[in-house]
Amino acid sequence: MESSSIDATANTVTKLVQELQAELTHVEAKQRIRGTEALVSGLRRVQEEEWDAQQAHTLLQFFQERMDDWSAVGPVLRGCEAVLQKAEDTKVALDEESVQ
């Protein structure tokens, strides 16, 4: 699936991850990078009412685990930034465990 083919109405975190699963777990680094970039872009569009602390925590864990994928470190760091910014914008409190 190409990033550009993602449904523009796919604005929930769960739906984004489901639609991008193949790219996010692809064996080729280029595909994983593309999937991670699309996820970051989608996260920035998630509406406040569709955002909660559990999603933020899960995404931060995901991005933390992806730090070992050196080819995708740039998009992974942008993903962490997007999650933290969205949490701040929506006043979602993250516990200490979420940001370690």
Protein backbone atom coordinates (compact mmCIF):
# COMPACT_ATOMS: atom_id res chain seq x y z
CA MET A 1 0.00 0.00 0.00
CA GLU A 2 1.35 3.39 -0.89
CA SER A 3 1.14 6.17 1.66
CA SER A 4 -0.83 8.30 -0.76
CA SER A 5 -3.53 5.63 -0.95
CA ILE A 6 -4.44 5.95 2.72
CA ASP A 7 -8.07 6.94 3.13
CA ALA A 8 -8.19 10.62 4.06
CA THR A 9 -10.92 9.87 6.57
CA ALA A 10 -8.72 7.36 8.41
CA ASN A 11 -8.14 9.68 11.31
CA THR A 12 -8.24 7.33 14.25
CA VAL A 13 -4.99 5.91 15.54
CA THR A 14 -6.22 2.33 15.39
CA LYS A 15 -7.38 2.64 11.82
CA LEU A 16 -4.13 4.32 10.80
CA VAL A 17 -2.03 1.54 12.29
CA GLN A 18 -4.22 -1.15 10.73
CA GLU A 19 -4.01 0.44 7.29
CA LEU A 20 -0.24 0.85 7.56
CA GLN A 21 0.55 -2.50 9.16
CA ALA A 22 2.05 -4.01 6.00
CA GLU A 23 4.37 -1.04 5.46
CA LEU A 24 5.31 -0.69 9.13
CA THR A 25 6.44 -4.32 9.29
CA HIS A 26 7.80 -4.71 5.76
CA VAL A 27 11.17 -6.45 5.33
CA GLU A 28 12.47 -3.64 3.11
CA ALA A 29 13.72 -0.57 4.96
CA LYS A 30 12.35 1.81 2.32
CA GLN A 31 8.83 0.49 2.89
CA ARG A 32 9.15 0.70 6.71
CA ILE A 33 10.36 4.28 6.41
CA ARG A 34 7.44 5.15 4.12
CA GLY A 35 4.98 3.51 6.52
CA THR A 36 6.46 5.29 9.55
CA GLU A 37 6.34 8.64 7.75
CA ALA A 38 2.70 8.04 6.81
CA LEU A 39 1.88 7.14 10.42
CA VAL A 40 3.51 10.35 11.66
CA SER A 41 1.60 12.38 9.09
CA GLY A 42 -1.66 10.70 10.12
CA LEU A 43 -0.99 11.25 13.82
CA ARG A 44 -0.75 14.96 13.21
CA ARG A 45 -4.28 14.87 11.74
CA VAL A 46 -5.92 12.88 14.55
CA GLN A 47 -8.74 14.85 16.14
CA GLU A 48 -8.61 15.71 19.84
CA GLU A 49 -11.63 13.62 20.71
CA GLU A 50 -9.96 10.56 19.16
CA TRP A 51 -6.79 10.87 21.24
CA ASP A 52 -6.16 9.42 24.69
CA ALA A 53 -3.33 8.52 27.05
CA GLN A 54 -3.46 4.80 26.19
CA GLN A 55 -2.92 5.51 22.49
CA ALA A 56 -0.08 7.90 23.29
CA HIS A 57 1.56 5.33 25.55
CA THR A 58 1.22 2.54 22.98
CA LEU A 59 2.61 4.71 20.18
CA LEU A 60 5.56 5.83 22.28
CA GLN A 61 6.33 2.18 23.04
CA PHE A 62 6.10 1.35 19.35
CA PHE A 63 8.44 4.18 18.38
CA GLN A 64 10.85 3.27 21.18
CA GLU A 65 11.06 -0.28 19.88
CA ARG A 66 11.64 1.02 16.36
CA MET A 67 14.72 2.98 17.46
CA ASP A 68 16.77 -0.15 16.69
CA ASP A 69 15.76 0.17 13.03
CA TRP A 70 18.52 2.61 12.07
CA SER A 71 17.12 3.17 8.61
CA ALA A 72 13.93 4.58 10.13
CA VAL A 73 15.38 6.61 13.03
CA GLY A 74 14.48 9.97 11.47
CA PRO A 75 10.80 9.17 11.00
CA VAL A 76 10.73 7.42 14.40
CA LEU A 77 12.01 10.56 16.13
CA ARG A 78 9.42 12.64 14.27
CA GLY A 79 6.83 10.14 15.46
CA CYS A 80 7.88 10.58 19.08
CA GLU A 81 7.71 14.33 18.61
CA ALA A 82 4.23 14.08 17.05
CA VAL A 83 2.91 11.95 19.93
CA LEU A 84 4.35 14.27 22.58
CA GLN A 85 3.01 17.34 20.76
CA LYS A 86 -0.44 15.79 20.36
CA ALA A 87 -0.45 14.85 24.07
CA GLU A 88 0.46 18.42 24.98
CA ASP A 89 -2.11 19.93 22.60
CA THR A 90 -4.90 17.72 23.92
CA LYS A 91 -3.84 17.95 27.58
CA VAL A 92 -3.37 14.17 27.73
CA ALA A 93 -1.20 13.36 30.71
CA LEU A 94 1.58 10.87 30.07
CA ASP A 95 3.00 8.93 32.97
CA GLU A 96 6.73 8.64 33.54
CA GLU A 97 6.79 5.14 32.09
CA SER A 98 5.41 6.44 28.77
CA VAL A 99 8.25 8.83 28.11
CA GLN A 100 11.24 6.71 29.16
